[in-house]
N, C-alpha and C. Protein backbone atom coordinates (compact mmCIF):
# COMPACT_ATOMS: atom_id res chain seq x y z
N MET A 1 5.61 -8.37 51.05
CA MET A 1 4.73 -8.84 50.27
C MET A 1 5.60 -9.81 49.85
N ARG A 2 5.03 -10.71 48.85
CA ARG A 2 5.80 -12.29 48.24
C ARG A 2 6.35 -11.87 46.96
N THR A 3 7.46 -12.74 46.95
CA THR A 3 8.34 -12.48 45.51
C THR A 3 7.57 -13.34 44.48
N ILE A 4 7.23 -12.62 43.26
CA ILE A 4 6.65 -13.67 42.30
C ILE A 4 7.72 -13.93 41.02
N GLY A 5 7.71 -15.32 41.17
CA GLY A 5 8.91 -16.07 39.98
C GLY A 5 7.67 -15.96 38.38
N LEU A 6 8.60 -15.10 37.37
CA LEU A 6 7.53 -15.06 36.08
C LEU A 6 8.14 -16.01 35.62
N ILE A 7 7.98 -17.08 34.64
CA ILE A 7 8.30 -17.80 33.32
C ILE A 7 8.12 -16.73 32.16
N GLY A 8 8.98 -16.17 31.41
CA GLY A 8 8.43 -15.70 30.16
C GLY A 8 9.45 -15.69 29.10
N GLY A 9 9.16 -15.15 27.98
CA GLY A 9 9.67 -15.14 26.67
C GLY A 9 8.91 -15.94 25.99
N MET A 10 7.51 -16.23 26.31
CA MET A 10 6.73 -17.16 25.29
C MET A 10 5.60 -15.83 25.14
N SER A 11 5.72 -15.18 23.95
CA SER A 11 6.54 -14.71 23.68
C SER A 11 7.31 -13.51 24.73
N TRP A 12 7.74 -12.37 24.44
CA TRP A 12 8.51 -11.50 25.27
C TRP A 12 7.89 -10.48 25.41
N GLU A 13 6.68 -10.46 24.32
CA GLU A 13 5.40 -9.44 24.27
C GLU A 13 4.29 -9.58 25.20
N SER A 14 4.53 -10.70 25.65
CA SER A 14 3.20 -11.46 26.86
C SER A 14 3.83 -11.37 27.95
N THR A 15 5.48 -11.61 27.95
CA THR A 15 5.63 -11.11 29.54
C THR A 15 5.58 -10.15 29.81
N GLN A 16 6.07 -8.90 28.92
CA GLN A 16 6.01 -7.72 29.18
C GLN A 16 4.44 -6.67 29.65
N GLU A 17 3.24 -7.53 28.72
CA GLU A 17 2.11 -7.55 29.68
C GLU A 17 1.71 -8.02 30.59
N TYR A 18 2.25 -9.24 31.13
CA TYR A 18 1.62 -10.01 32.29
C TYR A 18 2.86 -8.95 33.28
N TYR A 19 3.89 -8.60 33.27
CA TYR A 19 4.72 -7.55 34.11
C TYR A 19 3.95 -6.31 34.72
N ARG A 20 3.53 -5.74 33.18
CA ARG A 20 3.11 -5.00 33.10
C ARG A 20 1.16 -4.64 34.24
N ILE A 21 0.84 -5.62 34.03
CA ILE A 21 -0.44 -5.96 34.64
C ILE A 21 -0.22 -6.05 36.07
N ILE A 22 0.26 -6.91 36.33
CA ILE A 22 0.73 -7.20 37.89
C ILE A 22 1.22 -6.25 38.63
N ASN A 23 1.84 -5.60 37.97
CA ASN A 23 2.70 -4.13 38.83
C ASN A 23 1.33 -2.94 38.80
N GLN A 24 0.43 -3.06 37.53
CA GLN A 24 -0.42 -1.90 37.51
C GLN A 24 -1.16 -2.54 39.19
N HIS A 25 -1.67 -3.72 39.15
CA HIS A 25 -2.24 -4.13 40.38
C HIS A 25 -1.97 -3.98 41.52
N VAL A 26 -0.53 -3.84 41.55
CA VAL A 26 0.22 -4.03 43.24
C VAL A 26 0.16 -2.70 43.59
N ARG A 27 0.17 -1.77 42.21
CA ARG A 27 0.41 0.27 42.80
C ARG A 27 -0.95 0.31 43.14
N LYS A 28 -2.17 -0.12 42.37
CA LYS A 28 -3.49 -0.23 42.67
C LYS A 28 -3.68 -0.43 44.16
N ARG A 29 -3.46 -1.67 44.48
CA ARG A 29 -3.68 -2.11 45.74
C ARG A 29 -3.00 -1.27 47.14
N LEU A 30 -2.15 -0.79 46.69
CA LEU A 30 -0.63 -0.57 47.65
C LEU A 30 -0.56 1.01 47.59
N GLY A 31 -0.57 1.58 46.51
CA GLY A 31 -0.71 2.85 46.28
C GLY A 31 1.09 3.51 46.27
N ARG A 32 1.09 4.83 45.83
CA ARG A 32 2.43 5.57 45.43
C ARG A 32 3.34 4.65 44.67
N LEU A 33 4.25 4.60 45.01
CA LEU A 33 5.42 4.09 44.06
C LEU A 33 5.48 2.73 44.41
N HIS A 34 4.49 1.69 44.92
CA HIS A 34 4.35 0.66 45.16
C HIS A 34 4.75 -0.30 43.74
N SER A 35 5.74 -1.42 43.78
CA SER A 35 5.39 -2.52 42.24
C SER A 35 6.02 -4.10 42.98
N ALA A 36 5.79 -4.78 42.05
CA ALA A 36 5.44 -6.36 42.64
C ALA A 36 6.75 -6.50 43.05
N GLN A 37 7.35 -7.38 43.68
CA GLN A 37 8.59 -7.70 43.80
C GLN A 37 8.53 -9.46 43.12
N CYS A 38 9.44 -9.20 42.03
CA CYS A 38 9.29 -10.38 40.85
C CYS A 38 11.10 -10.64 40.57
N ILE A 39 10.76 -12.04 40.11
CA ILE A 39 11.86 -12.70 39.49
C ILE A 39 11.62 -13.26 37.98
N ILE A 40 11.99 -12.67 36.99
CA ILE A 40 11.60 -13.33 35.60
C ILE A 40 12.72 -14.58 35.24
N TYR A 41 12.53 -15.22 34.51
CA TYR A 41 13.23 -16.18 33.90
C TYR A 41 13.04 -15.97 32.09
N SER A 42 13.63 -15.90 31.71
CA SER A 42 13.01 -15.70 29.85
C SER A 42 13.24 -16.57 29.26
N VAL A 43 12.45 -17.31 28.41
CA VAL A 43 13.19 -18.45 27.58
C VAL A 43 13.17 -17.97 26.25
N ASP A 44 14.24 -18.93 25.68
CA ASP A 44 14.41 -18.44 24.01
C ASP A 44 12.64 -19.08 23.58
N PHE A 45 11.89 -18.06 23.12
CA PHE A 45 10.37 -18.55 22.04
C PHE A 45 10.57 -19.84 21.44
N GLU A 46 11.67 -19.10 20.39
CA GLU A 46 11.95 -20.36 19.37
C GLU A 46 11.84 -21.32 19.56
N LYS A 47 12.56 -22.13 20.72
CA LYS A 47 12.96 -23.42 21.28
C LYS A 47 11.38 -24.07 21.59
N VAL A 48 10.82 -23.51 22.36
CA VAL A 48 9.49 -23.49 23.27
C VAL A 48 8.49 -23.84 21.93
N GLU A 49 8.33 -22.88 20.58
CA GLU A 49 7.66 -22.51 19.80
C GLU A 49 7.55 -23.88 18.92
N ARG A 50 8.87 -24.69 18.62
CA ARG A 50 9.38 -25.77 18.16
C ARG A 50 8.78 -27.14 18.86
N LEU A 51 8.72 -27.23 20.24
CA LEU A 51 8.23 -28.03 20.73
C LEU A 51 6.55 -28.14 20.96
N GLN A 52 6.57 -26.85 20.83
CA GLN A 52 4.63 -26.91 20.76
C GLN A 52 4.38 -27.35 19.69
N HIS A 53 4.52 -26.42 18.23
CA HIS A 53 4.33 -27.33 16.91
C HIS A 53 4.39 -28.85 17.21
N ARG A 54 5.30 -29.66 17.31
CA ARG A 54 5.52 -30.97 17.57
C ARG A 54 4.59 -31.20 18.33
N GLY A 55 3.96 -30.75 19.75
CA GLY A 55 3.03 -31.69 20.67
C GLY A 55 3.96 -32.24 21.77
N LYS A 56 5.33 -31.71 21.37
CA LYS A 56 5.72 -32.39 23.02
C LYS A 56 6.01 -31.50 24.02
N TRP A 57 4.16 -31.68 24.73
CA TRP A 57 3.53 -31.01 26.15
C TRP A 57 4.50 -31.61 27.14
N ARG A 58 4.60 -32.79 26.96
CA ARG A 58 5.97 -33.36 28.08
C ARG A 58 7.07 -32.90 28.40
N MET A 59 7.97 -32.61 27.67
CA MET A 59 8.76 -32.19 27.44
C MET A 59 8.56 -30.34 27.82
N LEU A 60 7.78 -30.11 27.50
CA LEU A 60 7.69 -28.50 27.75
C LEU A 60 7.01 -28.46 29.28
N ALA A 61 6.35 -29.39 29.91
CA ALA A 61 6.07 -29.51 31.27
C ALA A 61 7.59 -29.37 31.94
N LYS A 62 8.52 -30.28 31.34
CA LYS A 62 9.69 -30.74 32.38
C LYS A 62 10.46 -29.00 32.19
N LEU A 63 10.62 -28.54 31.36
CA LEU A 63 11.26 -27.63 31.19
C LEU A 63 10.72 -26.09 31.84
N MET A 64 9.22 -26.06 32.06
CA MET A 64 8.89 -25.10 32.54
C MET A 64 9.06 -25.59 34.35
N THR A 65 8.65 -26.82 34.87
CA THR A 65 9.24 -27.01 35.94
C THR A 65 10.89 -27.22 36.61
N SER A 66 11.74 -27.43 35.53
CA SER A 66 13.22 -26.70 36.13
C SER A 66 13.29 -25.68 35.95
N ILE A 67 12.25 -24.63 35.41
CA ILE A 67 12.69 -23.33 35.39
C ILE A 67 11.84 -22.97 36.74
N ALA A 68 10.82 -23.32 36.66
CA ALA A 68 9.98 -22.75 38.10
C ALA A 68 11.51 -23.16 39.32
N LEU A 69 11.78 -24.20 39.51
CA LEU A 69 12.40 -24.61 40.46
C LEU A 69 13.80 -23.90 41.04
N LYS A 70 14.24 -23.07 39.66
CA LYS A 70 15.10 -22.13 39.51
C LYS A 70 14.34 -20.99 40.05
N LEU A 71 13.30 -20.99 40.11
CA LEU A 71 13.19 -19.32 40.32
C LEU A 71 12.54 -19.37 41.70
N GLU A 72 12.27 -20.71 42.46
CA GLU A 72 11.99 -20.74 43.78
C GLU A 72 13.00 -20.94 44.51
N ASP A 73 14.24 -21.45 43.97
CA ASP A 73 15.62 -21.44 44.61
C ASP A 73 16.41 -20.39 44.87
N ALA A 74 15.50 -19.33 43.60
CA ALA A 74 16.34 -17.72 43.78
C ALA A 74 15.09 -16.74 44.63
N GLY A 75 14.27 -17.41 45.35
CA GLY A 75 13.06 -17.01 46.35
C GLY A 75 12.12 -16.66 45.90
N ALA A 76 11.77 -16.97 44.52
CA ALA A 76 10.09 -16.60 44.46
C ALA A 76 9.19 -17.76 45.01
N GLN A 77 8.39 -16.94 45.37
CA GLN A 77 7.45 -18.01 46.55
C GLN A 77 6.29 -18.00 45.41
N GLY A 78 5.66 -17.97 44.45
CA GLY A 78 4.59 -18.20 43.36
C GLY A 78 5.35 -18.30 41.90
N ILE A 79 4.57 -19.11 41.34
CA ILE A 79 5.39 -19.02 39.73
C ILE A 79 3.92 -18.71 38.72
N VAL A 80 4.16 -17.84 38.14
CA VAL A 80 3.13 -17.53 37.08
C VAL A 80 3.73 -17.71 35.77
N ILE A 81 3.23 -18.53 34.82
CA ILE A 81 4.02 -18.67 33.69
C ILE A 81 3.37 -17.63 32.58
N CYS A 82 3.61 -16.84 31.65
CA CYS A 82 3.31 -15.80 30.91
C CYS A 82 2.82 -16.40 29.58
N SER A 83 2.44 -16.78 29.65
CA SER A 83 1.83 -17.39 28.25
C SER A 83 0.28 -17.91 28.51
N ASN A 84 -0.66 -17.45 27.45
CA ASN A 84 -2.06 -18.14 27.80
C ASN A 84 -1.89 -20.25 26.79
N THR A 85 -1.30 -20.34 25.91
CA THR A 85 -0.99 -21.83 25.46
C THR A 85 -0.35 -22.71 26.69
N MET A 86 0.44 -22.03 27.50
CA MET A 86 1.50 -22.94 28.19
C MET A 86 0.13 -23.31 28.96
N HIS A 87 -1.04 -23.21 29.03
CA HIS A 87 -1.66 -23.52 30.08
C HIS A 87 -2.01 -25.25 29.89
N LYS A 88 -1.76 -25.90 28.97
CA LYS A 88 -1.50 -27.44 28.54
C LYS A 88 -0.81 -27.88 29.34
N ALA A 89 0.66 -27.48 29.70
CA ALA A 89 1.72 -27.96 30.71
C ALA A 89 1.40 -27.26 32.08
N ALA A 90 0.58 -26.84 32.57
CA ALA A 90 0.70 -25.82 33.91
C ALA A 90 0.24 -26.72 35.10
N GLU A 91 -0.39 -27.73 34.77
CA GLU A 91 -1.11 -28.69 35.93
C GLU A 91 0.20 -29.53 36.51
N GLU A 92 0.70 -29.95 35.15
CA GLU A 92 1.93 -30.65 35.60
C GLU A 92 2.74 -30.11 36.11
N VAL A 93 3.27 -28.58 35.78
CA VAL A 93 4.15 -27.72 36.36
C VAL A 93 3.98 -27.24 37.98
């Protein structure tokens, strides 16, 4: 099983939903007590929201990229940004 890196905390409630849904799919696919191998990096949403509000998408993309690299260094083989709004920076990340 591959390890998933989750960039979360935008908000923690959405991170919780992504985590739950991913694990439900893993259990459905593999059965029994299986769950996803994942690493979560949770950001302080207050900082992210301020940058979003100011339209600082390039800064947000750099932040998400640096977090993705940290997750990769920790063993993540794929990255998920646990937020719908951050799709604006996803391609650059």
